[in-house]
Amino acid sequence: MVRKTEKVIFVVDDEPKVCEAVCDTLRESSVAARCFTDPAKCLEGICSDGCDLLIADLKMPGIDGIELMLQAKLLVPWLPVLIITGCGDVATAVKAAHAGAVDFIEKPLVKDDFIEKVRSLLISTDNAPVHLTKTEASVLRLVAQGRSNSEIARLLHRSRRTIELHRSHAMSKLGLHDFTDLLRLIGGVEVAEYLAANGQEQP
């Protein structure tokens, strides 16, 4: 995935008018934004184009904000995610945090507070260790999915030793020591449970 000079935010909400309103608010503040009403399309965009911040509504039919976050972080473990919720209770905040959200914000959005929070999160990505090669990113994504080095070697048509080197380089760049650190980066306990629920074991 090639990193872009301009930072781009992906906004996901199943209500088109709400999604467009959030994107318009960002654009009015000179922040590039793309709108998605379909979480699956958002995930495709993350794979093909990448983004610097994902903003997702918590309650959506099918793939909700938490599930979207889990899937997005399996693709890009370091991706910061801001959850929008209409609930605003402690349980929601805890659930979002455990799943890997960097923060959550309540509806209705207060423009100044929202933009300030977004800008703060974008600034924090300046120091994010995201300068991985395409192969390193692919290896790390497969590691996060619970794939063993041998499985990754077969999938990417490389030798196991080559995969081990790419994995080591990627983990080093991200400041990670083991799979537990990777899980913590992606989102902690709930991601481990997500992997287990999909029949995937820690490599």
C-alpha atoms as a PDB file:
ATOM      1  CA  MET A   1       0.000   0.000   0.000  1.00  0.00           C
ATOM      2  CA  VAL A   2       1.476   3.357  -1.027  1.00  0.00           C
ATOM      3  CA  ARG A   3       1.158   6.092   1.557  1.00  0.00           C
ATOM      4  CA  LYS A   4      -0.287   9.379   0.319  1.00  0.00           C
ATOM      5  CA  THR A   5       0.962  12.883   1.080  1.00  0.00           C
ATOM      6  CA  GLU A   6      -2.551  14.143   1.844  1.00  0.00           C
ATOM      7  CA  LYS A   7      -4.225  12.495   4.779  1.00  0.00           C
ATOM      8  CA  VAL A   8      -7.639  11.026   4.084  1.00  0.00           C
ATOM      9  CA  ILE A   9     -10.425  10.075   6.466  1.00  0.00           C
ATOM     10  CA  PHE A  10     -12.968   7.349   5.752  1.00  0.00           C
ATOM     11  CA  VAL A  11     -16.429   7.959   7.242  1.00  0.00           C
ATOM     12  CA  VAL A  12     -18.868   5.059   7.522  1.00  0.00           C
ATOM     13  CA  ASP A  13     -22.550   5.434   8.399  1.00  0.00           C
ATOM     14  CA  ASP A  14     -25.485   3.489   6.973  1.00  0.00           C
ATOM     15  CA  GLU A  15     -27.550   6.687   6.807  1.00  0.00           C
ATOM     16  CA  PRO A  16     -26.457   8.524   3.609  1.00  0.00           C
ATOM     17  CA  LYS A  17     -27.507  11.986   4.798  1.00  0.00           C
ATOM     18  CA  VAL A  18     -25.649  11.605   8.100  1.00  0.00           C
ATOM     19  CA  CYS A  19     -22.570  10.252   6.342  1.00  0.00           C
ATOM     20  CA  GLU A  20     -22.517  13.134   3.857  1.00  0.00           C
ATOM     21  CA  ALA A  21     -23.060  15.667   6.629  1.00  0.00           C
ATOM     22  CA  VAL A  22     -20.045  14.368   8.559  1.00  0.00           C
ATOM     23  CA  CYS A  23     -17.905  14.378   5.407  1.00  0.00           C
ATOM     24  CA  ASP A  24     -19.053  17.911   4.523  1.00  0.00           C
ATOM     25  CA  THR A  25     -18.085  19.084   8.009  1.00  0.00           C
ATOM     26  CA  LEU A  26     -14.610  17.639   7.535  1.00  0.00           C
ATOM     27  CA  ARG A  27     -14.201  19.079   4.055  1.00  0.00           C
ATOM     28  CA  GLU A  28     -15.306  22.524   5.222  1.00  0.00           C
ATOM     29  CA  SER A  29     -12.378  22.322   7.632  1.00  0.00           C
ATOM     30  CA  SER A  30      -9.994  21.394   4.793  1.00  0.00           C
ATOM     31  CA  VAL A  31      -9.820  17.727   5.736  1.00  0.00           C
ATOM     32  CA  ALA A  32     -10.098  15.198   2.895  1.00  0.00           C
ATOM     33  CA  ALA A  33     -12.876  12.668   3.497  1.00  0.00           C
ATOM     34  CA  ARG A  34     -14.558   9.777   1.704  1.00  0.00           C
ATOM     35  CA  CYS A  35     -18.076   8.598   2.551  1.00  0.00           C
ATOM     36  CA  PHE A  36     -19.243   5.005   2.761  1.00  0.00           C
ATOM     37  CA  THR A  37     -22.689   3.702   3.610  1.00  0.00           C
ATOM     38  CA  ASP A  38     -21.532   0.112   3.051  1.00  0.00           C
ATOM     39  CA  PRO A  39     -18.842  -1.136   5.486  1.00  0.00           C
ATOM     40  CA  ALA A  40     -17.721  -3.767   2.963  1.00  0.00           C
ATOM     41  CA  LYS A  41     -16.946  -1.024   0.421  1.00  0.00           C
ATOM     42  CA  CYS A  42     -14.983   0.802   3.094  1.00  0.00           C
ATOM     43  CA  LEU A  43     -12.852  -2.288   3.721  1.00  0.00           C
ATOM     44  CA  GLU A  44     -12.202  -2.552  -0.023  1.00  0.00           C
ATOM     45  CA  GLY A  45     -11.091   1.079  -0.016  1.00  0.00           C
ATOM     46  CA  ILE A  46      -8.740   0.475   2.903  1.00  0.00           C
ATOM     47  CA  CYS A  47      -7.164  -2.433   0.998  1.00  0.00           C
ATOM     48  CA  SER A  48      -6.774  -0.577  -2.289  1.00  0.00           C
ATOM     49  CA  ASP A  49      -6.171   3.034  -1.281  1.00  0.00           C
ATOM     50  CA  GLY A  50      -5.547   3.171   2.463  1.00  0.00           C
ATOM     51  CA  CYS A  51      -6.729   5.828   4.869  1.00  0.00           C
ATOM     52  CA  ASP A  52      -5.306   7.677   7.858  1.00  0.00           C
ATOM     53  CA  LEU A  53      -8.327   7.665  10.155  1.00  0.00           C
ATOM     54  CA  LEU A  54     -11.514   5.609  10.162  1.00  0.00           C
ATOM     55  CA  ILE A  55     -14.661   7.171  11.614  1.00  0.00           C
ATOM     56  CA  ALA A  56     -17.497   4.685  12.007  1.00  0.00           C
ATOM     57  CA  ASP A  57     -20.998   4.784  13.403  1.00  0.00           C
ATOM     58  CA  LEU A  58     -21.457   2.225  16.170  1.00  0.00           C
ATOM     59  CA  LYS A  59     -24.909   0.957  15.247  1.00  0.00           C
ATOM     60  CA  MET A  60     -25.227  -0.280  11.672  1.00  0.00           C
ATOM     61  CA  PRO A  61     -27.071  -3.294  10.267  1.00  0.00           C
ATOM     62  CA  GLY A  62     -24.909  -6.255   9.327  1.00  0.00           C
ATOM     63  CA  ILE A  63     -21.375  -5.095  10.076  1.00  0.00           C
ATOM     64  CA  ASP A  64     -21.588  -2.643  12.982  1.00  0.00           C
ATOM     65  CA  GLY A  65     -18.887  -0.179  14.002  1.00  0.00           C
ATOM     66  CA  ILE A  66     -17.091  -2.604  16.322  1.00  0.00           C
ATOM     67  CA  GLU A  67     -17.020  -5.422  13.768  1.00  0.00           C
ATOM     68  CA  LEU A  68     -15.876  -3.003  11.062  1.00  0.00           C
ATOM     69  CA  MET A  69     -13.072  -1.844  13.329  1.00  0.00           C
ATOM     70  CA  LEU A  70     -11.936  -5.407  13.998  1.00  0.00           C
ATOM     71  CA  GLN A  71     -11.871  -6.256  10.307  1.00  0.00           C
ATOM     72  CA  ALA A  72     -10.135  -2.988   9.388  1.00  0.00           C
ATOM     73  CA  LYS A  73      -7.432  -3.567  11.992  1.00  0.00           C
ATOM     74  CA  LEU A  74      -6.771  -7.027  10.631  1.00  0.00           C
ATOM     75  CA  LEU A  75      -5.951  -5.263   7.362  1.00  0.00           C
ATOM     76  CA  VAL A  76      -4.089  -2.288   8.872  1.00  0.00           C
ATOM     77  CA  PRO A  77      -3.236  -2.915  12.556  1.00  0.00           C
ATOM     78  CA  TRP A  78      -2.076   0.650  13.204  1.00  0.00           C
ATOM     79  CA  LEU A  79      -5.197   2.346  11.771  1.00  0.00           C
ATOM     80  CA  PRO A  80      -6.754   4.726  14.342  1.00  0.00           C
ATOM     81  CA  VAL A  81     -10.530   4.404  14.648  1.00  0.00           C
ATOM     82  CA  LEU A  82     -12.987   6.939  16.051  1.00  0.00           C
ATOM     83  CA  ILE A  83     -16.416   5.555  16.914  1.00  0.00           C
ATOM     84  CA  ILE A  84     -19.565   7.697  16.696  1.00  0.00           C
ATOM     85  CA  THR A  85     -22.295   6.635  19.072  1.00  0.00           C
ATOM     86  CA  GLY A  86     -25.735   7.828  20.032  1.00  0.00           C
ATOM     87  CA  CYS A  87     -25.628   5.823  23.241  1.00  0.00           C
ATOM     88  CA  GLY A  88     -22.975   7.705  25.137  1.00  0.00           C
ATOM     89  CA  ASP A  89     -22.900   5.310  28.078  1.00  0.00           C
ATOM     90  CA  VAL A  90     -19.899   3.895  29.886  1.00  0.00           C
ATOM     91  CA  ALA A  91     -20.455   0.379  28.551  1.00  0.00           C
ATOM     92  CA  THR A  92     -20.290   1.646  24.973  1.00  0.00           C
ATOM     93  CA  ALA A  93     -17.052   3.519  25.625  1.00  0.00           C
ATOM     94  CA  VAL A  94     -15.461   0.485  27.281  1.00  0.00           C
ATOM     95  CA  LYS A  95     -16.554  -1.833  24.461  1.00  0.00           C
ATOM     96  CA  ALA A  96     -15.193   0.529  21.821  1.00  0.00           C
ATOM     97  CA  ALA A  97     -11.890   0.952  23.680  1.00  0.00           C
ATOM     98  CA  HIS A  98     -11.431  -2.796  24.171  1.00  0.00           C
ATOM     99  CA  ALA A  99     -12.062  -3.361  20.486  1.00  0.00           C
ATOM    100  CA  GLY A 100      -9.282  -0.915  19.611  1.00  0.00           C
ATOM    101  CA  ALA A 101     -10.948   2.490  19.186  1.00  0.00           C
ATOM    102  CA  VAL A 102      -8.715   5.432  20.019  1.00  0.00           C
ATOM    103  CA  ASP A 103     -11.758   7.406  21.154  1.00  0.00           C
ATOM    104  CA  PHE A 104     -15.503   7.772  20.754  1.00  0.00           C
ATOM    105  CA  ILE A 105     -17.743  10.781  20.275  1.00  0.00           C
ATOM    106  CA  GLU A 106     -21.470  11.231  20.860  1.00  0.00           C
ATOM    107  CA  LYS A 107     -24.227  12.285  18.509  1.00  0.00           C
ATOM    108  CA  PRO A 108     -25.248  14.940  17.745  1.00  0.00           C
ATOM    109  CA  LEU A 109     -21.743  16.073  16.840  1.00  0.00           C
ATOM    110  CA  VAL A 110     -20.565  19.449  18.065  1.00  0.00           C
ATOM    111  CA  LYS A 111     -18.603  20.757  15.085  1.00  0.00           C
ATOM    112  CA  ASP A 112     -15.725  22.468  16.895  1.00  0.00           C
ATOM    113  CA  ASP A 113     -15.203  19.585  19.330  1.00  0.00           C
ATOM    114  CA  PHE A 114     -15.420  17.042  16.531  1.00  0.00           C
ATOM    115  CA  ILE A 115     -12.892  18.820  14.286  1.00  0.00           C
ATOM    116  CA  GLU A 116     -10.525  19.357  17.207  1.00  0.00           C
ATOM    117  CA  LYS A 117     -10.621  15.660  18.050  1.00  0.00           C
ATOM    118  CA  VAL A 118     -10.097  14.657  14.409  1.00  0.00           C
ATOM    119  CA  ARG A 119      -7.134  17.000  13.970  1.00  0.00           C
ATOM    120  CA  SER A 120      -5.591  15.664  17.171  1.00  0.00           C
ATOM    121  CA  LEU A 121      -5.915  12.087  15.928  1.00  0.00           C
ATOM    122  CA  LEU A 122      -4.456  12.989  12.527  1.00  0.00           C
ATOM    123  CA  ILE A 123      -1.470  14.640  14.196  1.00  0.00           C
ATOM    124  CA  SER A 124      -0.907  11.489  16.235  1.00  0.00           C
ATOM    125  CA  THR A 125      -0.607   9.486  13.004  1.00  0.00           C
ATOM    126  CA  ASP A 126       2.451  11.552  12.037  1.00  0.00           C
ATOM    127  CA  ASN A 127       4.486   9.420  14.403  1.00  0.00           C
ATOM    128  CA  ALA A 128       2.746   6.165  13.515  1.00  0.00           C
ATOM    129  CA  PRO A 129       5.198   3.457  12.387  1.00  0.00           C
ATOM    130  CA  VAL A 130       3.446   2.803   9.091  1.00  0.00           C
ATOM    131  CA  HIS A 131       6.368   2.778   6.673  1.00  0.00           C
ATOM    132  CA  LEU A 132       6.145  -0.885   5.780  1.00  0.00           C
ATOM    133  CA  THR A 133       6.849  -2.341   2.372  1.00  0.00           C
ATOM    134  CA  LYS A 134       3.928  -3.887   0.521  1.00  0.00           C
ATOM    135  CA  THR A 135       5.217  -7.379   1.313  1.00  0.00           C
ATOM    136  CA  GLU A 136       5.796  -6.567   4.977  1.00  0.00           C
ATOM    137  CA  ALA A 137       2.245  -5.220   5.251  1.00  0.00           C
ATOM    138  CA  SER A 138       0.858  -8.352   3.591  1.00  0.00           C
ATOM    139  CA  VAL A 139       2.827 -10.629   5.912  1.00  0.00           C
ATOM    140  CA  LEU A 140       1.759  -8.718   9.008  1.00  0.00           C
ATOM    141  CA  ARG A 141      -1.890  -8.779   7.931  1.00  0.00           C
ATOM    142  CA  LEU A 142      -1.731 -12.557   7.525  1.00  0.00           C
ATOM    143  CA  VAL A 143       0.045 -12.927  10.864  1.00  0.00           C
ATOM    144  CA  ALA A 144      -2.762 -10.911  12.465  1.00  0.00           C
ATOM    145  CA  GLN A 145      -5.243 -13.333  10.896  1.00  0.00           C
ATOM    146  CA  GLY A 146      -3.535 -16.184  12.729  1.00  0.00           C
ATOM    147  CA  ARG A 147      -1.568 -17.608   9.791  1.00  0.00           C
ATOM    148  CA  SER A 148       1.651 -19.512  10.466  1.00  0.00           C
ATOM    149  CA  ASN A 149       4.892 -18.664   8.670  1.00  0.00           C
ATOM    150  CA  SER A 150       4.528 -21.808   6.539  1.00  0.00           C
ATOM    151  CA  GLU A 151       0.973 -20.879   5.522  1.00  0.00           C
ATOM    152  CA  ILE A 152       2.022 -17.334   4.650  1.00  0.00           C
ATOM    153  CA  ALA A 153       4.927 -18.671   2.582  1.00  0.00           C
ATOM    154  CA  ARG A 154       2.516 -20.800   0.552  1.00  0.00           C
ATOM    155  CA  LEU A 155       0.021 -17.969   0.116  1.00  0.00           C
ATOM    156  CA  LEU A 156       2.637 -15.438  -0.999  1.00  0.00           C
ATOM    157  CA  HIS A 157       4.751 -17.961  -2.926  1.00  0.00           C
ATOM    158  CA  ARG A 158       7.869 -17.217  -0.917  1.00  0.00           C
ATOM    159  CA  SER A 159      10.203 -19.356   1.170  1.00  0.00           C
ATOM    160  CA  ARG A 160       9.496 -19.690   4.876  1.00  0.00           C
ATOM    161  CA  ARG A 161      12.842 -18.034   5.634  1.00  0.00           C
ATOM    162  CA  THR A 162      11.888 -15.016   3.496  1.00  0.00           C
ATOM    163  CA  ILE A 163       8.578 -14.718   5.331  1.00  0.00           C
ATOM    164  CA  GLU A 164      10.356 -14.913   8.675  1.00  0.00           C
ATOM    165  CA  LEU A 165      12.621 -12.040   7.633  1.00  0.00           C
ATOM    166  CA  HIS A 166       9.733  -9.877   6.418  1.00  0.00           C
ATOM    167  CA  ARG A 167       7.800 -10.641   9.595  1.00  0.00           C
ATOM    168  CA  SER A 168      10.787  -9.749  11.769  1.00  0.00           C
ATOM    169  CA  HIS A 169      11.365  -6.474   9.910  1.00  0.00           C
ATOM    170  CA  ALA A 170       7.682  -5.504  10.117  1.00  0.00           C
ATOM    171  CA  MET A 171       7.444  -6.285  13.828  1.00  0.00           C
ATOM    172  CA  SER A 172      10.648  -4.345  14.472  1.00  0.00           C
ATOM    173  CA  LYS A 173       9.408  -1.270  12.584  1.00  0.00           C
ATOM    174  CA  LEU A 174       6.195  -1.327  14.645  1.00  0.00           C
ATOM    175  CA  GLY A 175       8.101  -1.789  17.898  1.00  0.00           C
ATOM    176  CA  LEU A 176       6.445  -5.166  18.539  1.00  0.00           C
ATOM    177  CA  HIS A 177       8.082  -8.144  20.226  1.00  0.00           C
ATOM    178  CA  ASP A 178       5.555 -10.938  19.813  1.00  0.00           C
ATOM    179  CA  PHE A 179       2.038 -11.880  18.708  1.00  0.00           C
ATOM    180  CA  THR A 180       0.583 -10.593  21.975  1.00  0.00           C
ATOM    181  CA  ASP A 181       1.974  -7.133  21.212  1.00  0.00           C
ATOM    182  CA  LEU A 182       0.396  -7.329  17.755  1.00  0.00           C
ATOM    183  CA  LEU A 183      -2.970  -8.218  19.282  1.00  0.00           C
ATOM    184  CA  ARG A 184      -2.643  -5.316  21.678  1.00  0.00           C
ATOM    185  CA  LEU A 185      -1.922  -2.969  18.759  1.00  0.00           C
ATOM    186  CA  ILE A 186      -4.903  -4.260  16.809  1.00  0.00           C
ATOM    187  CA  GLY A 187      -7.320  -4.129  19.685  1.00  0.00           C
ATOM    188  CA  GLY A 188      -6.558  -6.484  22.542  1.00  0.00           C
ATOM    189  CA  VAL A 189      -8.807  -9.127  23.988  1.00  0.00           C
ATOM    190  CA  GLU A 190     -11.747  -8.710  21.641  1.00  0.00           C
ATOM    191  CA  VAL A 191      -9.543  -9.284  18.593  1.00  0.00           C
ATOM    192  CA  ALA A 192      -8.139 -12.441  20.173  1.00  0.00           C
ATOM    193  CA  GLU A 193     -11.706 -13.598  20.692  1.00  0.00           C
ATOM    194  CA  TYR A 194     -12.551 -12.628  17.101  1.00  0.00           C
ATOM    195  CA  LEU A 195      -9.678 -14.754  15.781  1.00  0.00           C
ATOM    196  CA  ALA A 196     -10.691 -17.668  17.988  1.00  0.00           C
ATOM    197  CA  ALA A 197     -14.312 -17.385  16.848  1.00  0.00           C
ATOM    198  CA  ASN A 198     -13.143 -17.722  13.267  1.00  0.00           C
ATOM    199  CA  GLY A 199     -11.171 -20.849  14.033  1.00  0.00           C
ATOM    200  CA  GLN A 200      -7.816 -19.104  13.962  1.00  0.00           C
ATOM    201  CA  GLU A 201      -5.084 -19.821  16.481  1.00  0.00           C
ATOM    202  CA  GLN A 202      -2.159 -17.711  17.505  1.00  0.00           C
ATOM    203  CA  PRO A 203       0.879 -18.556  15.317  1.00  0.00           C
END
